[in-house]
Amino acid sequence: MAKNITLTEAEEKLASLIWSNAPLTSPDLVALAAKELQWKKSTTYTILKKLCDKGVFKNENANITVLLTREEQLARESRQYVEDTFGGSLPKFIASFFSGRKLTQEQALELKRLIEEYEED
């Protein structure tokens, strides 16, 4: 797995805009960030550069390309959380998550399906 990428709150806000509106140009992003986040052009370009430096996006010839999808980033963050908090133990995480709760039959079936799908042979 590639290195964990941690996004600041500002980076997360801009990344979310990009993921929701890609593909787009950097001038379009500046206009969108001004409207949605009330950011100035300089702020948008500064945060975009940081996201590009982290390998989340690429800004080439004013066209922004997604290098790391929202789903890939969420998966990385989730794995890092389980690693940091539960010593990498998925069973410990699941036990903690469901502590005091009951699963519906549909949830239990979905979890069983997922386990079978990802189970090593």
PDB file of N, CA and C in Angstrom:
ATOM      1  N   MET A   1       0.846  -1.180   0.000  1.00  0.00           N
ATOM      2  CA  MET A   1       0.000   0.000   0.000  1.00  0.00           C
ATOM      3  C   MET A   1       0.886   1.236   0.000  1.00  0.00           C
ATOM      4  N   ALA A   2       0.462   2.232  -0.756  1.00  0.00           N
ATOM      5  CA  ALA A   2       1.188   3.487  -0.805  1.00  0.00           C
ATOM      6  C   ALA A   2       1.088   4.182   0.543  1.00  0.00           C
ATOM      7  N   LYS A   3       1.931   5.192   0.715  1.00  0.00           N
ATOM      8  CA  LYS A   3       1.943   5.900   1.995  1.00  0.00           C
ATOM      9  C   LYS A   3       0.573   6.477   2.318  1.00  0.00           C
ATOM     10  N   ASN A   4       0.302   6.573   3.614  1.00  0.00           N
ATOM     11  CA  ASN A   4      -0.959   7.144   4.055  1.00  0.00           C
ATOM     12  C   ASN A   4      -0.949   8.639   3.771  1.00  0.00           C
ATOM     13  N   ILE A   5      -2.032   9.131   3.230  1.00  0.00           N
ATOM     14  CA  ILE A   5      -2.167  10.548   2.937  1.00  0.00           C
ATOM     15  C   ILE A   5      -3.190  11.122   3.899  1.00  0.00           C
ATOM     16  N   THR A   6      -2.738  12.072   4.702  1.00  0.00           N
ATOM     17  CA  THR A   6      -3.624  12.734   5.642  1.00  0.00           C
ATOM     18  C   THR A   6      -3.974  14.099   5.086  1.00  0.00           C
ATOM     19  N   LEU A   7      -5.266  14.394   5.050  1.00  0.00           N
ATOM     20  CA  LEU A   7      -5.716  15.681   4.541  1.00  0.00           C
ATOM     21  C   LEU A   7      -6.128  16.585   5.692  1.00  0.00           C
ATOM     22  N   THR A   8      -5.724  17.841   5.593  1.00  0.00           N
ATOM     23  CA  THR A   8      -6.173  18.830   6.573  1.00  0.00           C
ATOM     24  C   THR A   8      -7.643  19.133   6.297  1.00  0.00           C
ATOM     25  N   GLU A   9      -8.279  19.861   7.187  1.00  0.00           N
ATOM     26  CA  GLU A   9      -9.690  20.215   7.004  1.00  0.00           C
ATOM     27  C   GLU A   9      -9.886  21.006   5.715  1.00  0.00           C
ATOM     28  N   ALA A  10      -9.014  21.961   5.454  1.00  0.00           N
ATOM     29  CA  ALA A  10      -9.115  22.771   4.239  1.00  0.00           C
ATOM     30  C   ALA A  10      -8.893  21.909   2.998  1.00  0.00           C
ATOM     31  N   GLU A  11      -7.901  21.021   3.051  1.00  0.00           N
ATOM     32  CA  GLU A  11      -7.638  20.131   1.923  1.00  0.00           C
ATOM     33  C   GLU A  11      -8.821  19.210   1.663  1.00  0.00           C
ATOM     34  N   GLU A  12      -9.442  18.732   2.728  1.00  0.00           N
ATOM     35  CA  GLU A  12     -10.613  17.863   2.593  1.00  0.00           C
ATOM     36  C   GLU A  12     -11.766  18.607   1.921  1.00  0.00           C
ATOM     37  N   LYS A  13     -11.980  19.860   2.289  1.00  0.00           N
ATOM     38  CA  LYS A  13     -13.053  20.652   1.687  1.00  0.00           C
ATOM     39  C   LYS A  13     -12.832  20.820   0.184  1.00  0.00           C
ATOM     40  N   LEU A  14     -11.611  21.173  -0.198  1.00  0.00           N
ATOM     41  CA  LEU A  14     -11.335  21.380  -1.616  1.00  0.00           C
ATOM     42  C   LEU A  14     -11.354  20.053  -2.367  1.00  0.00           C
ATOM     43  N   ALA A  15     -10.799  19.022  -1.774  1.00  0.00           N
ATOM     44  CA  ALA A  15     -10.807  17.700  -2.412  1.00  0.00           C
ATOM     45  C   ALA A  15     -12.240  17.245  -2.662  1.00  0.00           C
ATOM     46  N   SER A  16     -13.105  17.477  -1.703  1.00  0.00           N
ATOM     47  CA  SER A  16     -14.510  17.082  -1.846  1.00  0.00           C
ATOM     48  C   SER A  16     -15.162  17.809  -3.018  1.00  0.00           C
ATOM     49  N   LEU A  17     -14.865  19.088  -3.164  1.00  0.00           N
ATOM     50  CA  LEU A  17     -15.380  19.848  -4.311  1.00  0.00           C
ATOM     51  C   LEU A  17     -14.881  19.261  -5.624  1.00  0.00           C
ATOM     52  N   ILE A  18     -13.600  18.940  -5.660  1.00  0.00           N
ATOM     53  CA  ILE A  18     -13.021  18.391  -6.892  1.00  0.00           C
ATOM     54  C   ILE A  18     -13.632  17.032  -7.199  1.00  0.00           C
ATOM     55  N   TRP A  19     -13.668  16.145  -6.207  1.00  0.00           N
ATOM     56  CA  TRP A  19     -14.219  14.806  -6.435  1.00  0.00           C
ATOM     57  C   TRP A  19     -15.671  14.885  -6.910  1.00  0.00           C
ATOM     58  N   SER A  20     -16.432  15.824  -6.392  1.00  0.00           N
ATOM     59  CA  SER A  20     -17.845  15.944  -6.764  1.00  0.00           C
ATOM     60  C   SER A  20     -18.055  16.575  -8.131  1.00  0.00           C
ATOM     61  N   ASN A  21     -17.060  17.290  -8.639  1.00  0.00           N
ATOM     62  CA  ASN A  21     -17.245  18.045  -9.877  1.00  0.00           C
ATOM     63  C   ASN A  21     -16.262  17.697 -10.987  1.00  0.00           C
ATOM     64  N   ALA A  22     -15.364  16.753 -10.754  1.00  0.00           N
ATOM     65  CA  ALA A  22     -14.375  16.402 -11.768  1.00  0.00           C
ATOM     66  C   ALA A  22     -15.062  15.771 -12.967  1.00  0.00           C
ATOM     67  N   PRO A  23     -14.543  15.974 -14.161  1.00  0.00           N
ATOM     68  CA  PRO A  23     -13.336  16.752 -14.460  1.00  0.00           C
ATOM     69  C   PRO A  23     -13.651  18.254 -14.502  1.00  0.00           C
ATOM     70  N   LEU A  24     -12.646  19.057 -14.161  1.00  0.00           N
ATOM     71  CA  LEU A  24     -12.804  20.499 -14.220  1.00  0.00           C
ATOM     72  C   LEU A  24     -11.452  21.163 -14.404  1.00  0.00           C
ATOM     73  N   THR A  25     -11.502  22.415 -14.791  1.00  0.00           N
ATOM     74  CA  THR A  25     -10.275  23.186 -14.970  1.00  0.00           C
ATOM     75  C   THR A  25      -9.987  23.953 -13.684  1.00  0.00           C
ATOM     76  N   SER A  26      -8.757  24.386 -13.527  1.00  0.00           N
ATOM     77  CA  SER A  26      -8.428  25.143 -12.325  1.00  0.00           C
ATOM     78  C   SER A  26      -9.192  26.475 -12.253  1.00  0.00           C
ATOM     79  N   PRO A  27      -9.428  27.201 -13.377  1.00  0.00           N
ATOM     80  CA  PRO A  27     -10.269  28.401 -13.258  1.00  0.00           C
ATOM     81  C   PRO A  27     -11.704  28.067 -12.816  1.00  0.00           C
ATOM     82  N   ASP A  28     -12.242  26.943 -13.295  1.00  0.00           N
ATOM     83  CA  ASP A  28     -13.571  26.518 -12.846  1.00  0.00           C
ATOM     84  C   ASP A  28     -13.561  26.210 -11.349  1.00  0.00           C
ATOM     85  N   LEU A  29     -12.488  25.598 -10.879  1.00  0.00           N
ATOM     86  CA  LEU A  29     -12.370  25.277  -9.459  1.00  0.00           C
ATOM     87  C   LEU A  29     -12.296  26.555  -8.626  1.00  0.00           C
ATOM     88  N   VAL A  30     -11.559  27.542  -9.097  1.00  0.00           N
ATOM     89  CA  VAL A  30     -11.461  28.817  -8.382  1.00  0.00           C
ATOM     90  C   VAL A  30     -12.854  29.436  -8.235  1.00  0.00           C
ATOM     91  N   ALA A  31     -13.629  29.425  -9.303  1.00  0.00           N
ATOM     92  CA  ALA A  31     -14.981  29.985  -9.260  1.00  0.00           C
ATOM     93  C   ALA A  31     -15.876  29.183  -8.312  1.00  0.00           C
ATOM     94  N   LEU A  32     -15.759  27.858  -8.367  1.00  0.00           N
ATOM     95  CA  LEU A  32     -16.561  26.994  -7.508  1.00  0.00           C
ATOM     96  C   LEU A  32     -16.201  27.186  -6.030  1.00  0.00           C
ATOM     97  N   ALA A  33     -14.894  27.271  -5.738  1.00  0.00           N
ATOM     98  CA  ALA A  33     -14.447  27.467  -4.354  1.00  0.00           C
ATOM     99  C   ALA A  33     -14.866  28.841  -3.831  1.00  0.00           C
ATOM    100  N   ALA A  34     -14.879  29.837  -4.706  1.00  0.00           N
ATOM    101  CA  ALA A  34     -15.330  31.173  -4.296  1.00  0.00           C
ATOM    102  C   ALA A  34     -16.816  31.122  -3.928  1.00  0.00           C
ATOM    103  N   LYS A  35     -17.596  30.403  -4.733  1.00  0.00           N
ATOM    104  CA  LYS A  35     -19.033  30.316  -4.497  1.00  0.00           C
ATOM    105  C   LYS A  35     -19.361  29.444  -3.284  1.00  0.00           C
ATOM    106  N   GLU A  36     -18.766  28.262  -3.212  1.00  0.00           N
ATOM    107  CA  GLU A  36     -19.123  27.275  -2.186  1.00  0.00           C
ATOM    108  C   GLU A  36     -18.413  27.485  -0.849  1.00  0.00           C
ATOM    109  N   LEU A  37     -17.151  27.944  -0.903  1.00  0.00           N
ATOM    110  CA  LEU A  37     -16.346  28.054   0.313  1.00  0.00           C
ATOM    111  C   LEU A  37     -15.987  29.498   0.672  1.00  0.00           C
ATOM    112  N   GLN A  38     -16.343  30.424  -0.202  1.00  0.00           N
ATOM    113  CA  GLN A  38     -15.983  31.831  -0.037  1.00  0.00           C
ATOM    114  C   GLN A  38     -14.463  32.014   0.038  1.00  0.00           C
ATOM    115  N   TRP A  39     -13.738  31.224  -0.768  1.00  0.00           N
ATOM    116  CA  TRP A  39     -12.283  31.303  -0.795  1.00  0.00           C
ATOM    117  C   TRP A  39     -11.826  32.240  -1.900  1.00  0.00           C
ATOM    118  N   LYS A  40     -10.664  32.863  -1.655  1.00  0.00           N
ATOM    119  CA  LYS A  40     -10.016  33.683  -2.665  1.00  0.00           C
ATOM    120  C   LYS A  40      -9.234  32.766  -3.608  1.00  0.00           C
ATOM    121  N   LYS A  41      -8.923  33.304  -4.771  1.00  0.00           N
ATOM    122  CA  LYS A  41      -8.169  32.559  -5.785  1.00  0.00           C
ATOM    123  C   LYS A  41      -6.854  32.028  -5.213  1.00  0.00           C
ATOM    124  N   SER A  42      -6.146  32.863  -4.455  1.00  0.00           N
ATOM    125  CA  SER A  42      -4.843  32.459  -3.913  1.00  0.00           C
ATOM    126  C   SER A  42      -4.978  31.291  -2.945  1.00  0.00           C
ATOM    127  N   THR A  43      -6.033  31.301  -2.140  1.00  0.00           N
ATOM    128  CA  THR A  43      -6.261  30.204  -1.184  1.00  0.00           C
ATOM    129  C   THR A  43      -6.522  28.899  -1.940  1.00  0.00           C
ATOM    130  N   THR A  44      -7.361  28.976  -2.956  1.00  0.00           N
ATOM    131  CA  THR A  44      -7.694  27.779  -3.739  1.00  0.00           C
ATOM    132  C   THR A  44      -6.447  27.196  -4.389  1.00  0.00           C
ATOM    133  N   TYR A  45      -5.633  28.050  -5.013  1.00  0.00           N
ATOM    134  CA  TYR A  45      -4.431  27.547  -5.672  1.00  0.00           C
ATOM    135  C   TYR A  45      -3.406  27.006  -4.670  1.00  0.00           C
ATOM    136  N   THR A  46      -3.308  27.616  -3.503  1.00  0.00           N
ATOM    137  CA  THR A  46      -2.380  27.128  -2.471  1.00  0.00           C
ATOM    138  C   THR A  46      -2.781  25.737  -2.002  1.00  0.00           C
ATOM    139  N   ILE A  47      -4.070  25.546  -1.709  1.00  0.00           N
ATOM    140  CA  ILE A  47      -4.547  24.241  -1.234  1.00  0.00           C
ATOM    141  C   ILE A  47      -4.487  23.213  -2.363  1.00  0.00           C
ATOM    142  N   LEU A  48      -4.813  23.616  -3.582  1.00  0.00           N
ATOM    143  CA  LEU A  48      -4.723  22.700  -4.725  1.00  0.00           C
ATOM    144  C   LEU A  48      -3.293  22.210  -4.905  1.00  0.00           C
ATOM    145  N   LYS A  49      -2.331  23.118  -4.771  1.00  0.00           N
ATOM    146  CA  LYS A  49      -0.923  22.705  -4.905  1.00  0.00           C
ATOM    147  C   LYS A  49      -0.554  21.677  -3.844  1.00  0.00           C
ATOM    148  N   LYS A  50      -1.010  21.878  -2.618  1.00  0.00           N
ATOM    149  CA  LYS A  50      -0.727  20.918  -1.548  1.00  0.00           C
ATOM    150  C   LYS A  50      -1.335  19.559  -1.863  1.00  0.00           C
ATOM    151  N   LEU A  51      -2.557  19.555  -2.386  1.00  0.00           N
ATOM    152  CA  LEU A  51      -3.201  18.292  -2.754  1.00  0.00           C
ATOM    153  C   LEU A  51      -2.465  17.608  -3.900  1.00  0.00           C
ATOM    154  N   CYS A  52      -1.969  18.393  -4.837  1.00  0.00           N
ATOM    155  CA  CYS A  52      -1.184  17.834  -5.944  1.00  0.00           C
ATOM    156  C   CYS A  52       0.151  17.288  -5.437  1.00  0.00           C
ATOM    157  N   ASP A  53       0.788  17.993  -4.524  1.00  0.00           N
ATOM    158  CA  ASP A  53       2.050  17.533  -3.940  1.00  0.00           C
ATOM    159  C   ASP A  53       1.861  16.226  -3.176  1.00  0.00           C
ATOM    160  N   LYS A  54       0.684  16.026  -2.599  1.00  0.00           N
ATOM    161  CA  LYS A  54       0.397  14.792  -1.853  1.00  0.00           C
ATOM    162  C   LYS A  54      -0.004  13.639  -2.777  1.00  0.00           C
ATOM    163  N   GLY A  55      -0.183  13.938  -4.073  1.00  0.00           N
ATOM    164  CA  GLY A  55      -0.529  12.891  -5.022  1.00  0.00           C
ATOM    165  C   GLY A  55      -2.007  12.577  -5.116  1.00  0.00           C
ATOM    166  N   VAL A  56      -2.845  13.505  -4.655  1.00  0.00           N
ATOM    167  CA  VAL A  56      -4.290  13.285  -4.717  1.00  0.00           C
ATOM    168  C   VAL A  56      -4.827  13.716  -6.085  1.00  0.00           C
ATOM    169  N   PHE A  57      -4.309  14.829  -6.589  1.00  0.00           N
ATOM    170  CA  PHE A  57      -4.723  15.363  -7.883  1.00  0.00           C
ATOM    171  C   PHE A  57      -3.497  15.783  -8.682  1.00  0.00           C
ATOM    172  N   LYS A  58      -3.726  16.015  -9.960  1.00  0.00           N
ATOM    173  CA  LYS A  58      -2.693  16.540 -10.843  1.00  0.00           C
ATOM    174  C   LYS A  58      -3.302  17.742 -11.551  1.00  0.00           C
ATOM    175  N   ASN A  59      -2.564  18.858 -11.571  1.00  0.00           N
ATOM    176  CA  ASN A  59      -3.017  20.068 -12.255  1.00  0.00           C
ATOM    177  C   ASN A  59      -2.018  20.355 -13.364  1.00  0.00           C
ATOM    178  N   GLU A  60      -2.424  20.005 -14.572  1.00  0.00           N
ATOM    179  CA  GLU A  60      -1.521  20.170 -15.715  1.00  0.00           C
ATOM    180  C   GLU A  60      -2.252  20.921 -16.813  1.00  0.00           C
ATOM    181  N   ASN A  61      -1.656  22.000 -17.286  1.00  0.00           N
ATOM    182  CA  ASN A  61      -2.276  22.846 -18.311  1.00  0.00           C
ATOM    183  C   ASN A  61      -3.673  23.290 -17.886  1.00  0.00           C
ATOM    184  N   ALA A  62      -3.825  23.611 -16.617  1.00  0.00           N
ATOM    185  CA  ALA A  62      -5.075  24.106 -16.022  1.00  0.00           C
ATOM    186  C   ALA A  62      -6.185  23.063 -15.987  1.00  0.00           C
ATOM    187  N   ASN A  63      -5.843  21.793 -16.237  1.00  0.00           N
ATOM    188  CA  ASN A  63      -6.812  20.705 -16.140  1.00  0.00           C
ATOM    189  C   ASN A  63      -6.489  19.856 -14.922  1.00  0.00           C
ATOM    190  N   ILE A  64      -7.478  19.676 -14.067  1.00  0.00           N
ATOM    191  CA  ILE A  64      -7.282  18.917 -12.830  1.00  0.00           C
ATOM    192  C   ILE A  64      -7.693  17.476 -13.067  1.00  0.00           C
ATOM    193  N   THR A  65      -6.781  16.570 -12.774  1.00  0.00           N
ATOM    194  CA  THR A  65      -7.002  15.138 -12.928  1.00  0.00           C
ATOM    195  C   THR A  65      -7.003  14.485 -11.557  1.00  0.00           C
ATOM    196  N   VAL A  66      -7.936  13.576 -11.323  1.00  0.00           N
ATOM    197  CA  VAL A  66      -8.015  12.836 -10.065  1.00  0.00           C
ATOM    198  C   VAL A  66      -7.024  11.675 -10.128  1.00  0.00           C
ATOM    199  N   LEU A  67      -6.094  11.640  -9.177  1.00  0.00           N
ATOM    200  CA  LEU A  67      -5.135  10.538  -9.078  1.00  0.00           C
ATOM    201  C   LEU A  67      -5.530   9.557  -7.980  1.00  0.00           C
ATOM    202  N   LEU A  68      -6.217  10.055  -6.970  1.00  0.00           N
ATOM    203  CA  LEU A  68      -6.658   9.244  -5.836  1.00  0.00           C
ATOM    204  C   LEU A  68      -8.142   9.541  -5.617  1.00  0.00           C
ATOM    205  N   THR A  69      -8.992   8.536  -5.800  1.00  0.00           N
ATOM    206  CA  THR A  69     -10.430   8.762  -5.672  1.00  0.00           C
ATOM    207  C   THR A  69     -10.819   8.946  -4.208  1.00  0.00           C
ATOM    208  N   ARG A  70     -12.003   9.470  -4.015  1.00  0.00           N
ATOM    209  CA  ARG A  70     -12.544   9.634  -2.661  1.00  0.00           C
ATOM    210  C   ARG A  70     -12.592   8.274  -1.962  1.00  0.00           C
ATOM    211  N   GLU A  71     -13.025   7.249  -2.685  1.00  0.00           N
ATOM    212  CA  GLU A  71     -13.142   5.906  -2.112  1.00  0.00           C
ATOM    213  C   GLU A  71     -11.775   5.360  -1.699  1.00  0.00           C
ATOM    214  N   GLU A  72     -10.762   5.594  -2.539  1.00  0.00           N
ATOM    215  CA  GLU A  72      -9.409   5.138  -2.199  1.00  0.00           C
ATOM    216  C   GLU A  72      -8.890   5.859  -0.963  1.00  0.00           C
ATOM    217  N   GLN A  73      -9.160   7.153  -0.862  1.00  0.00           N
ATOM    218  CA  GLN A  73      -8.716   7.920   0.302  1.00  0.00           C
ATOM    219  C   GLN A  73      -9.431   7.451   1.563  1.00  0.00           C
ATOM    220  N   LEU A  74     -10.747   7.222   1.471  1.00  0.00           N
ATOM    221  CA  LEU A  74     -11.488   6.738   2.628  1.00  0.00           C
ATOM    222  C   LEU A  74     -10.982   5.365   3.073  1.00  0.00           C
ATOM    223  N   ALA A  75     -10.656   4.506   2.116  1.00  0.00           N
ATOM    224  CA  ALA A  75     -10.126   3.184   2.456  1.00  0.00           C
ATOM    225  C   ALA A  75      -8.787   3.316   3.179  1.00  0.00           C
ATOM    226  N   ARG A  76      -7.930   4.202   2.706  1.00  0.00           N
ATOM    227  CA  ARG A  76      -6.635   4.421   3.364  1.00  0.00           C
ATOM    228  C   ARG A  76      -6.820   4.937   4.788  1.00  0.00           C
ATOM    229  N   GLU A  77      -7.708   5.927   4.941  1.00  0.00           N
ATOM    230  CA  GLU A  77      -7.951   6.485   6.267  1.00  0.00           C
ATOM    231  C   GLU A  77      -8.516   5.424   7.206  1.00  0.00           C
ATOM    232  N   SER A  78      -9.425   4.603   6.699  1.00  0.00           N
ATOM    233  CA  SER A  78     -10.033   3.548   7.525  1.00  0.00           C
ATOM    234  C   SER A  78      -8.996   2.534   7.970  1.00  0.00           C
ATOM    235  N   ARG A  79      -8.160   2.093   7.037  1.00  0.00           N
ATOM    236  CA  ARG A  79      -7.109   1.128   7.390  1.00  0.00           C
ATOM    237  C   ARG A  79      -6.145   1.720   8.413  1.00  0.00           C
ATOM    238  N   GLN A  80      -5.808   3.002   8.243  1.00  0.00           N
ATOM    239  CA  GLN A  80      -4.893   3.647   9.171  1.00  0.00           C
ATOM    240  C   GLN A  80      -5.519   3.762  10.555  1.00  0.00           C
ATOM    241  N   TYR A  81      -6.816   4.052  10.608  1.00  0.00           N
ATOM    242  CA  TYR A  81      -7.521   4.144  11.891  1.00  0.00           C
ATOM    243  C   TYR A  81      -7.501   2.794  12.610  1.00  0.00           C
ATOM    244  N   VAL A  82      -7.809   1.726  11.894  1.00  0.00           N
ATOM    245  CA  VAL A  82      -7.800   0.386  12.495  1.00  0.00           C
ATOM    246  C   VAL A  82      -6.390   0.040  12.953  1.00  0.00           C
ATOM    247  N   GLU A  83      -5.394   0.401  12.165  1.00  0.00           N
ATOM    248  CA  GLU A  83      -3.992   0.133  12.528  1.00  0.00           C
ATOM    249  C   GLU A  83      -3.619   0.895  13.797  1.00  0.00           C
ATOM    250  N   ASP A  84      -3.907   2.175  13.826  1.00  0.00           N
ATOM    251  CA  ASP A  84      -3.506   3.025  14.952  1.00  0.00           C
ATOM    252  C   ASP A  84      -4.285   2.724  16.236  1.00  0.00           C
ATOM    253  N   THR A  85      -5.566   2.453  16.108  1.00  0.00           N
ATOM    254  CA  THR A  85      -6.435   2.334  17.268  1.00  0.00           C
ATOM    255  C   THR A  85      -6.572   0.902  17.777  1.00  0.00           C
ATOM    256  N   PHE A  86      -6.535  -0.065  16.867  1.00  0.00           N
ATOM    257  CA  PHE A  86      -6.785  -1.456  17.244  1.00  0.00           C
ATOM    258  C   PHE A  86      -5.617  -2.373  16.899  1.00  0.00           C
ATOM    259  N   GLY A  87      -4.440  -1.786  16.708  1.00  0.00           N
ATOM    260  CA  GLY A  87      -3.258  -2.585  16.392  1.00  0.00           C
ATOM    261  C   GLY A  87      -3.402  -3.369  15.106  1.00  0.00           C
ATOM    262  N   GLY A  88      -4.235  -2.874  14.196  1.00  0.00           N
ATOM    263  CA  GLY A  88      -4.439  -3.536  12.914  1.00  0.00           C
ATOM    264  C   GLY A  88      -5.417  -4.691  12.969  1.00  0.00           C
ATOM    265  N   SER A  89      -6.036  -4.920  14.113  1.00  0.00           N
ATOM    266  CA  SER A  89      -6.955  -6.053  14.281  1.00  0.00           C
ATOM    267  C   SER A  89      -8.367  -5.676  13.835  1.00  0.00           C
ATOM    268  N   LEU A  90      -8.775  -6.196  12.690  1.00  0.00           N
ATOM    269  CA  LEU A  90     -10.127  -5.965  12.205  1.00  0.00           C
ATOM    270  C   LEU A  90     -11.171  -6.576  13.135  1.00  0.00           C
ATOM    271  N   PRO A  91     -10.965  -7.798  13.662  1.00  0.00           N
ATOM    272  CA  PRO A  91     -11.948  -8.339  14.613  1.00  0.00           C
ATOM    273  C   PRO A  91     -12.138  -7.453  15.853  1.00  0.00           C
ATOM    274  N   LYS A  92     -11.047  -6.871  16.379  1.00  0.00           N
ATOM    275  CA  LYS A  92     -11.179  -5.980  17.540  1.00  0.00           C
ATOM    276  C   LYS A  92     -11.975  -4.726  17.173  1.00  0.00           C
ATOM    277  N   PHE A  93     -11.722  -4.201  15.978  1.00  0.00           N
ATOM    278  CA  PHE A  93     -12.473  -3.034  15.522  1.00  0.00           C
ATOM    279  C   PHE A  93     -13.963  -3.354  15.404  1.00  0.00           C
ATOM    280  N   ILE A  94     -14.279  -4.469  14.773  1.00  0.00           N
ATOM    281  CA  ILE A  94     -15.677  -4.855  14.575  1.00  0.00           C
ATOM    282  C   ILE A  94     -16.360  -5.095  15.918  1.00  0.00           C
ATOM    283  N   ALA A  95     -15.680  -5.774  16.839  1.00  0.00           N
ATOM    284  CA  ALA A  95     -16.256  -6.020  18.168  1.00  0.00           C
ATOM    285  C   ALA A  95     -16.544  -4.692  18.875  1.00  0.00           C
ATOM    286  N   SER A  96     -15.624  -3.754  18.779  1.00  0.00           N
ATOM    287  CA  SER A  96     -15.814  -2.448  19.400  1.00  0.00           C
ATOM    288  C   SER A  96     -16.966  -1.691  18.730  1.00  0.00           C
ATOM    289  N   PHE A  97     -17.016  -1.751  17.414  1.00  0.00           N
ATOM    290  CA  PHE A  97     -18.046  -1.041  16.661  1.00  0.00           C
ATOM    291  C   PHE A  97     -19.441  -1.544  17.015  1.00  0.00           C
ATOM    292  N   PHE A  98     -19.586  -2.848  17.170  1.00  0.00           N
ATOM    293  CA  PHE A  98     -20.905  -3.423  17.434  1.00  0.00           C
ATOM    294  C   PHE A  98     -21.206  -3.602  18.913  1.00  0.00           C
ATOM    295  N   SER A  99     -20.321  -3.163  19.772  1.00  0.00           N
ATOM    296  CA  SER A  99     -20.529  -3.301  21.212  1.00  0.00           C
ATOM    297  C   SER A  99     -21.882  -2.720  21.616  1.00  0.00           C
ATOM    298  N   GLY A 100     -22.733  -3.578  22.179  1.00  0.00           N
ATOM    299  CA  GLY A 100     -24.037  -3.135  22.635  1.00  0.00           C
ATOM    300  C   GLY A 100     -25.089  -2.999  21.558  1.00  0.00           C
ATOM    301  N   ARG A 101     -24.754  -3.338  20.316  1.00  0.00           N
ATOM    302  CA  ARG A 101     -25.709  -3.230  19.208  1.00  0.00           C
ATOM    303  C   ARG A 101     -25.989  -4.611  18.631  1.00  0.00           C
ATOM    304  N   LYS A 102     -27.117  -4.737  18.026  1.00  0.00           N
ATOM    305  CA  LYS A 102     -27.467  -5.970  17.326  1.00  0.00           C
ATOM    306  C   LYS A 102     -27.524  -5.683  15.834  1.00  0.00           C
ATOM    307  N   LEU A 103     -27.103  -6.665  15.047  1.00  0.00           N
ATOM    308  CA  LEU A 103     -27.173  -6.554  13.596  1.00  0.00           C
ATOM    309  C   LEU A 103     -28.541  -7.005  13.111  1.00  0.00           C
ATOM    310  N   THR A 104     -29.006  -6.356  12.052  1.00  0.00           N
ATOM    311  CA  THR A 104     -30.201  -6.869  11.394  1.00  0.00           C
ATOM    312  C   THR A 104     -29.777  -8.091  10.584  1.00  0.00           C
ATOM    313  N   GLN A 105     -30.742  -8.883  10.181  1.00  0.00           N
ATOM    314  CA  GLN A 105     -30.430 -10.068   9.382  1.00  0.00           C
ATOM    315  C   GLN A 105     -29.762  -9.652   8.067  1.00  0.00           C
ATOM    316  N   GLU A 106     -30.214  -8.569   7.478  1.00  0.00           N
ATOM    317  CA  GLU A 106     -29.631  -8.078   6.227  1.00  0.00           C
ATOM    318  C   GLU A 106     -28.174  -7.656   6.427  1.00  0.00           C
ATOM    319  N   GLN A 107     -27.894  -6.965   7.537  1.00  0.00           N
ATOM    320  CA  GLN A 107     -26.519  -6.545   7.821  1.00  0.00           C
ATOM    321  C   GLN A 107     -25.617  -7.758   8.023  1.00  0.00           C
ATOM    322  N   ALA A 108     -26.102  -8.739   8.750  1.00  0.00           N
ATOM    323  CA  ALA A 108     -25.311  -9.949   8.995  1.00  0.00           C
ATOM    324  C   ALA A 108     -25.020 -10.675   7.691  1.00  0.00           C
ATOM    325  N   LEU A 109     -26.010 -10.783   6.820  1.00  0.00           N
ATOM    326  CA  LEU A 109     -25.804 -11.443   5.524  1.00  0.00           C
ATOM    327  C   LEU A 109     -24.800 -10.679   4.665  1.00  0.00           C
ATOM    328  N   GLU A 110     -24.887  -9.357   4.677  1.00  0.00           N
ATOM    329  CA  GLU A 110     -23.955  -8.539   3.902  1.00  0.00           C
ATOM    330  C   GLU A 110     -22.526  -8.692   4.419  1.00  0.00           C
ATOM    331  N   LEU A 111     -22.360  -8.711   5.745  1.00  0.00           N
ATOM    332  CA  LEU A 111     -21.022  -8.912   6.319  1.00  0.00           C
ATOM    333  C   LEU A 111     -20.473 -10.290   5.962  1.00  0.00           C
ATOM    334  N   LYS A 112     -21.310 -11.297   6.031  1.00  0.00           N
ATOM    335  CA  LYS A 112     -20.874 -12.651   5.661  1.00  0.00           C
ATOM    336  C   LYS A 112     -20.440 -12.687   4.206  1.00  0.00           C
ATOM    337  N   ARG A 113     -21.204 -12.025   3.332  1.00  0.00           N
ATOM    338  CA  ARG A 113     -20.859 -11.977   1.914  1.00  0.00           C
ATOM    339  C   ARG A 113     -19.512 -11.284   1.709  1.00  0.00           C
ATOM    340  N   LEU A 114     -19.307 -10.192   2.400  1.00  0.00           N
ATOM    341  CA  LEU A 114     -18.037  -9.449   2.283  1.00  0.00           C
ATOM    342  C   LEU A 114     -16.863 -10.286   2.774  1.00  0.00           C
ATOM    343  N   ILE A 115     -17.057 -10.982   3.884  1.00  0.00           N
ATOM    344  CA  ILE A 115     -15.986 -11.825   4.423  1.00  0.00           C
ATOM    345  C   ILE A 115     -15.625 -12.909   3.419  1.00  0.00           C
ATOM    346  N   GLU A 116     -16.628 -13.543   2.840  1.00  0.00           N
ATOM    347  CA  GLU A 116     -16.360 -14.589   1.850  1.00  0.00           C
ATOM    348  C   GLU A 116     -15.649 -14.024   0.624  1.00  0.00           C
ATOM    349  N   GLU A 117     -16.044 -12.825   0.208  1.00  0.00           N
ATOM    350  CA  GLU A 117     -15.454 -12.190  -0.962  1.00  0.00           C
ATOM    351  C   GLU A 117     -13.969 -11.892  -0.756  1.00  0.00           C
ATOM    352  N   TYR A 118     -13.596 -11.468   0.444  1.00  0.00           N
ATOM    353  CA  TYR A 118     -12.224 -11.063   0.709  1.00  0.00           C
ATOM    354  C   TYR A 118     -11.394 -12.113   1.437  1.00  0.00           C
ATOM    355  N   GLU A 119     -11.975 -13.261   1.729  1.00  0.00           N
ATOM    356  CA  GLU A 119     -11.268 -14.314   2.442  1.00  0.00           C
ATOM    357  C   GLU A 119     -10.190 -14.933   1.565  1.00  0.00           C
ATOM    358  N   GLU A 120      -9.017 -15.138   2.174  1.00  0.00           N
ATOM    359  CA  GLU A 120      -7.923 -15.786   1.451  1.00  0.00           C
ATOM    360  C   GLU A 120      -8.244 -17.259   1.287  1.00  0.00           C
ATOM    361  N   ASP A 121      -7.767 -17.818   0.170  1.00  0.00           N
ATOM    362  CA  ASP A 121      -7.989 -19.256  -0.055  1.00  0.00           C
ATOM    363  C   ASP A 121      -7.013 -20.089   0.728  1.00  0.00           C
TER     364      ASP A 121
END
